[in-house]
Amino acid sequence: MRLLLFLARAFIQVFGITQPTREQERRAAWFIGILSFGIIAAVITAFVSFAMHR
């Protein structure tokens, strides 16, 4: 969870977003984590799918 909070804080600071409350920050961290997991899973799935059809 610390890594997700770090990423959320970095994203907020880089893009100059108004500092959220702790609850909003935690929600943003979960969102970023789930989105990252989904993207990684999609890339792995696509790679495996293309590799199997060769």
C-alpha atoms as a PDB file:
ATOM      1  CA  MET A   1       0.000   0.000   0.000  1.00  0.00           C
ATOM      2  CA  ARG A   2       2.898   2.353   0.641  1.00  0.00           C
ATOM      3  CA  LEU A   3       4.011   2.065  -2.971  1.00  0.00           C
ATOM      4  CA  LEU A   4       0.519   2.929  -4.198  1.00  0.00           C
ATOM      5  CA  LEU A   5       0.312   5.934  -1.871  1.00  0.00           C
ATOM      6  CA  PHE A   6       3.741   7.065  -3.054  1.00  0.00           C
ATOM      7  CA  LEU A   7       2.622   6.835  -6.687  1.00  0.00           C
ATOM      8  CA  ALA A   8      -0.606   8.707  -5.938  1.00  0.00           C
ATOM      9  CA  ARG A   9       1.270  11.488  -4.130  1.00  0.00           C
ATOM     10  CA  ALA A  10       3.818  11.734  -6.937  1.00  0.00           C
ATOM     11  CA  PHE A  11       1.037  11.951  -9.534  1.00  0.00           C
ATOM     12  CA  ILE A  12      -0.752  14.653  -7.515  1.00  0.00           C
ATOM     13  CA  GLN A  13       2.428  16.711  -7.070  1.00  0.00           C
ATOM     14  CA  VAL A  14       3.627  16.363 -10.666  1.00  0.00           C
ATOM     15  CA  PHE A  15       0.344  17.505 -12.178  1.00  0.00           C
ATOM     16  CA  GLY A  16      -0.329  20.199  -9.555  1.00  0.00           C
ATOM     17  CA  ILE A  17      -3.644  18.773  -8.421  1.00  0.00           C
ATOM     18  CA  THR A  18      -5.147  20.224  -5.251  1.00  0.00           C
ATOM     19  CA  GLN A  19      -4.018  18.169  -2.263  1.00  0.00           C
ATOM     20  CA  PRO A  20      -6.782  15.649  -1.482  1.00  0.00           C
ATOM     21  CA  THR A  21      -7.922  14.444   1.910  1.00  0.00           C
ATOM     22  CA  ARG A  22      -6.428  11.201   3.238  1.00  0.00           C
ATOM     23  CA  GLU A  23      -9.532   9.261   2.168  1.00  0.00           C
ATOM     24  CA  GLN A  24      -9.387  10.690  -1.353  1.00  0.00           C
ATOM     25  CA  GLU A  25      -5.662   9.999  -1.504  1.00  0.00           C
ATOM     26  CA  ARG A  26      -6.251   6.370  -0.488  1.00  0.00           C
ATOM     27  CA  ARG A  27      -9.001   6.037  -3.110  1.00  0.00           C
ATOM     28  CA  ALA A  28      -6.686   7.496  -5.774  1.00  0.00           C
ATOM     29  CA  ALA A  29      -3.952   5.050  -4.745  1.00  0.00           C
ATOM     30  CA  TRP A  30      -6.332   2.096  -5.156  1.00  0.00           C
ATOM     31  CA  PHE A  31      -7.494   3.432  -8.519  1.00  0.00           C
ATOM     32  CA  ILE A  32      -3.921   3.824  -9.782  1.00  0.00           C
ATOM     33  CA  GLY A  33      -3.033   0.351  -8.511  1.00  0.00           C
ATOM     34  CA  ILE A  34      -6.032  -1.339 -10.115  1.00  0.00           C
ATOM     35  CA  LEU A  35      -5.517   0.520 -13.376  1.00  0.00           C
ATOM     36  CA  SER A  36      -1.818  -0.392 -13.443  1.00  0.00           C
ATOM     37  CA  PHE A  37      -2.614  -4.040 -12.725  1.00  0.00           C
ATOM     38  CA  GLY A  38      -5.181  -4.068 -15.531  1.00  0.00           C
ATOM     39  CA  ILE A  39      -2.746  -2.579 -18.031  1.00  0.00           C
ATOM     40  CA  ILE A  40       0.009  -5.017 -17.069  1.00  0.00           C
ATOM     41  CA  ALA A  41      -2.418  -7.958 -17.283  1.00  0.00           C
ATOM     42  CA  ALA A  42      -3.595  -6.819 -20.726  1.00  0.00           C
ATOM     43  CA  VAL A  43      -0.034  -6.490 -22.015  1.00  0.00           C
ATOM     44  CA  ILE A  44       0.914  -9.944 -20.705  1.00  0.00           C
ATOM     45  CA  THR A  45      -2.263 -11.453 -22.174  1.00  0.00           C
ATOM     46  CA  ALA A  46      -1.584  -9.858 -25.562  1.00  0.00           C
ATOM     47  CA  PHE A  47       2.031 -11.017 -25.526  1.00  0.00           C
ATOM     48  CA  VAL A  48       1.089 -14.592 -24.646  1.00  0.00           C
ATOM     49  CA  SER A  49      -1.686 -14.602 -27.238  1.00  0.00           C
ATOM     50  CA  PHE A  50       0.628 -13.403 -30.011  1.00  0.00           C
ATOM     51  CA  ALA A  51       3.404 -15.773 -28.937  1.00  0.00           C
ATOM     52  CA  MET A  52       1.083 -18.807 -28.971  1.00  0.00           C
ATOM     53  CA  HIS A  53      -0.116 -18.134 -32.526  1.00  0.00           C
ATOM     54  CA  ARG A  54       3.316 -18.080 -34.114  1.00  0.00           C
END
